[in-house]
Amino acid sequence: MYRLIAIVVSRLRAAAVAVARSTWEQVKTTVADAWRDLTVVITMLIFAGVIGEVGSRIAFGEGW
């Protein structure tokens, strides 16, 4: 998980550098990549929470 967060931070930094050095198309591509990575991390955190909650309910006999 920490590696994914590090990748997102790295992509955001790359986007900032792209703004300073590159064309608009490269900036859009870099920002889109960073946004995609961030949404993947958020989705993983949400699913991990849901799976953890359901798993704990099953483990403790509380049902769904």
N, C-alpha and C. Protein backbone atom coordinates (compact mmCIF):
# COMPACT_ATOMS: atom_id res chain seq x y z
N MET A 1 0.83 -1.19 0.00
CA MET A 1 0.00 0.00 0.00
C MET A 1 0.88 1.26 0.00
N TYR A 2 1.93 1.23 0.84
CA TYR A 2 2.81 2.40 0.89
C TYR A 2 3.50 2.63 -0.45
N ARG A 3 3.79 1.54 -1.15
CA ARG A 3 4.43 1.67 -2.46
C ARG A 3 3.49 2.38 -3.43
N LEU A 4 2.21 2.03 -3.40
CA LEU A 4 1.25 2.69 -4.29
C LEU A 4 1.14 4.18 -3.97
N ILE A 5 1.13 4.51 -2.68
CA ILE A 5 1.06 5.92 -2.29
C ILE A 5 2.32 6.64 -2.77
N ALA A 6 3.47 5.98 -2.65
CA ALA A 6 4.71 6.58 -3.13
C ALA A 6 4.66 6.80 -4.64
N ILE A 7 4.06 5.88 -5.37
CA ILE A 7 3.92 6.03 -6.82
C ILE A 7 3.03 7.23 -7.14
N VAL A 8 1.94 7.37 -6.40
CA VAL A 8 1.03 8.51 -6.63
C VAL A 8 1.76 9.82 -6.36
N VAL A 9 2.49 9.89 -5.27
CA VAL A 9 3.23 11.11 -4.94
C VAL A 9 4.27 11.40 -6.02
N SER A 10 4.93 10.34 -6.48
CA SER A 10 5.92 10.51 -7.55
C SER A 10 5.28 11.05 -8.82
N ARG A 11 4.10 10.53 -9.16
CA ARG A 11 3.41 11.01 -10.37
C ARG A 11 2.98 12.46 -10.21
N LEU A 12 2.53 12.83 -9.01
CA LEU A 12 2.14 14.22 -8.79
C LEU A 12 3.34 15.16 -8.92
N ARG A 13 4.48 14.71 -8.40
CA ARG A 13 5.70 15.51 -8.56
C ARG A 13 6.07 15.62 -10.03
N ALA A 14 5.95 14.52 -10.75
CA ALA A 14 6.25 14.53 -12.18
C ALA A 14 5.33 15.50 -12.91
N ALA A 15 4.08 15.57 -12.46
CA ALA A 15 3.14 16.50 -13.08
C ALA A 15 3.59 17.94 -12.84
N ALA A 16 4.07 18.22 -11.64
CA ALA A 16 4.55 19.57 -11.34
C ALA A 16 5.76 19.92 -12.20
N VAL A 17 6.66 18.97 -12.37
CA VAL A 17 7.83 19.21 -13.22
C VAL A 17 7.40 19.38 -14.67
N ALA A 18 6.42 18.59 -15.09
CA ALA A 18 5.93 18.68 -16.47
C ALA A 18 5.36 20.06 -16.76
N VAL A 19 4.70 20.65 -15.79
CA VAL A 19 4.15 21.99 -15.96
C VAL A 19 5.27 22.98 -16.26
N ALA A 20 6.39 22.81 -15.58
CA ALA A 20 7.49 23.76 -15.74
C ALA A 20 8.27 23.54 -17.04
N ARG A 21 8.31 22.28 -17.53
CA ARG A 21 9.24 21.98 -18.62
C ARG A 21 8.61 21.56 -19.95
N SER A 22 7.38 21.14 -19.94
CA SER A 22 6.89 20.43 -21.10
C SER A 22 5.68 21.09 -21.76
N THR A 23 5.21 20.39 -22.78
CA THR A 23 4.05 20.89 -23.51
C THR A 23 2.77 20.55 -22.76
N TRP A 24 1.70 21.15 -23.18
CA TRP A 24 0.39 20.94 -22.53
C TRP A 24 -0.05 19.49 -22.63
N GLU A 25 0.21 18.82 -23.75
CA GLU A 25 -0.18 17.42 -23.93
C GLU A 25 0.53 16.52 -22.93
N GLN A 26 1.80 16.77 -22.70
CA GLN A 26 2.55 15.97 -21.73
C GLN A 26 2.04 16.23 -20.32
N VAL A 27 1.68 17.47 -20.03
CA VAL A 27 1.13 17.80 -18.72
C VAL A 27 -0.18 17.04 -18.50
N LYS A 28 -1.06 17.08 -19.50
CA LYS A 28 -2.35 16.38 -19.37
C LYS A 28 -2.16 14.89 -19.16
N THR A 29 -1.24 14.29 -19.90
CA THR A 29 -0.98 12.85 -19.77
C THR A 29 -0.45 12.52 -18.38
N THR A 30 0.48 13.31 -17.89
CA THR A 30 1.08 13.05 -16.57
C THR A 30 0.05 13.22 -15.46
N VAL A 31 -0.77 14.26 -15.55
CA VAL A 31 -1.81 14.48 -14.55
C VAL A 31 -2.85 13.36 -14.60
N ALA A 32 -3.20 12.91 -15.79
CA ALA A 32 -4.16 11.82 -15.92
C ALA A 32 -3.61 10.53 -15.31
N ASP A 33 -2.33 10.26 -15.51
CA ASP A 33 -1.71 9.08 -14.90
C ASP A 33 -1.73 9.16 -13.38
N ALA A 34 -1.40 10.32 -12.84
CA ALA A 34 -1.40 10.50 -11.39
C ALA A 34 -2.81 10.34 -10.83
N TRP A 35 -3.81 10.89 -11.51
CA TRP A 35 -5.19 10.80 -11.06
C TRP A 35 -5.66 9.35 -11.08
N ARG A 36 -5.31 8.61 -12.13
CA ARG A 36 -5.68 7.20 -12.23
C ARG A 36 -5.07 6.41 -11.07
N ASP A 37 -3.80 6.65 -10.77
CA ASP A 37 -3.15 5.95 -9.67
C ASP A 37 -3.81 6.29 -8.34
N LEU A 38 -4.16 7.54 -8.15
CA LEU A 38 -4.81 7.96 -6.91
C LEU A 38 -6.17 7.29 -6.74
N THR A 39 -6.94 7.20 -7.82
CA THR A 39 -8.25 6.55 -7.72
C THR A 39 -8.11 5.06 -7.44
N VAL A 40 -7.05 4.44 -7.96
CA VAL A 40 -6.80 3.02 -7.67
C VAL A 40 -6.51 2.84 -6.18
N VAL A 41 -5.69 3.71 -5.61
CA VAL A 41 -5.36 3.60 -4.18
C VAL A 41 -6.61 3.81 -3.34
N ILE A 42 -7.42 4.79 -3.66
CA ILE A 42 -8.65 5.05 -2.89
C ILE A 42 -9.59 3.87 -3.00
N THR A 43 -9.73 3.31 -4.20
CA THR A 43 -10.60 2.14 -4.39
C THR A 43 -10.10 0.96 -3.58
N MET A 44 -8.79 0.74 -3.58
CA MET A 44 -8.23 -0.36 -2.80
C MET A 44 -8.49 -0.17 -1.30
N LEU A 45 -8.36 1.04 -0.82
CA LEU A 45 -8.62 1.31 0.60
C LEU A 45 -10.08 1.05 0.94
N ILE A 46 -10.98 1.45 0.06
CA ILE A 46 -12.41 1.23 0.29
C ILE A 46 -12.71 -0.26 0.32
N PHE A 47 -12.22 -1.01 -0.67
CA PHE A 47 -12.48 -2.45 -0.71
C PHE A 47 -11.84 -3.16 0.48
N ALA A 48 -10.65 -2.73 0.88
CA ALA A 48 -10.00 -3.34 2.04
C ALA A 48 -10.85 -3.13 3.30
N GLY A 49 -11.44 -1.95 3.42
CA GLY A 49 -12.30 -1.68 4.56
C GLY A 49 -13.57 -2.51 4.54
N VAL A 50 -14.18 -2.64 3.37
CA VAL A 50 -15.41 -3.43 3.24
C VAL A 50 -15.13 -4.90 3.50
N ILE A 51 -14.07 -5.42 2.89
CA ILE A 51 -13.72 -6.83 3.07
C ILE A 51 -13.36 -7.10 4.53
N GLY A 52 -12.64 -6.18 5.15
CA GLY A 52 -12.28 -6.33 6.56
C GLY A 52 -13.50 -6.33 7.45
N GLU A 53 -14.46 -5.46 7.16
CA GLU A 53 -15.69 -5.40 7.96
C GLU A 53 -16.50 -6.67 7.81
N VAL A 54 -16.69 -7.15 6.59
CA VAL A 54 -17.46 -8.37 6.36
C VAL A 54 -16.75 -9.56 6.98
N GLY A 55 -15.43 -9.61 6.80
CA GLY A 55 -14.66 -10.72 7.39
C GLY A 55 -14.76 -10.76 8.90
N SER A 56 -14.72 -9.62 9.54
CA SER A 56 -14.82 -9.60 11.00
C SER A 56 -16.22 -9.98 11.46
N ARG A 57 -17.23 -9.58 10.72
CA ARG A 57 -18.60 -9.97 11.10
C ARG A 57 -18.79 -11.47 10.97
N ILE A 58 -18.25 -12.05 9.89
CA ILE A 58 -18.35 -13.50 9.71
C ILE A 58 -17.56 -14.21 10.81
N ALA A 59 -16.37 -13.73 11.10
CA ALA A 59 -15.51 -14.37 12.09
C ALA A 59 -16.14 -14.35 13.48
N PHE A 60 -16.83 -13.28 13.81
CA PHE A 60 -17.44 -13.17 15.14
C PHE A 60 -18.90 -13.59 15.17
N GLY A 61 -19.38 -14.16 14.08
CA GLY A 61 -20.72 -14.72 14.04
C GLY A 61 -21.84 -13.70 14.02
N GLU A 62 -21.57 -12.50 13.55
CA GLU A 62 -22.61 -11.46 13.51
C GLU A 62 -23.40 -11.50 12.21
N GLY A 63 -22.97 -12.31 11.26
CA GLY A 63 -23.66 -12.36 9.97
C GLY A 63 -23.30 -11.18 9.11
N TRP A 64 -23.98 -11.05 8.00
CA TRP A 64 -23.69 -9.97 7.05
C TRP A 64 -24.19 -8.67 7.62
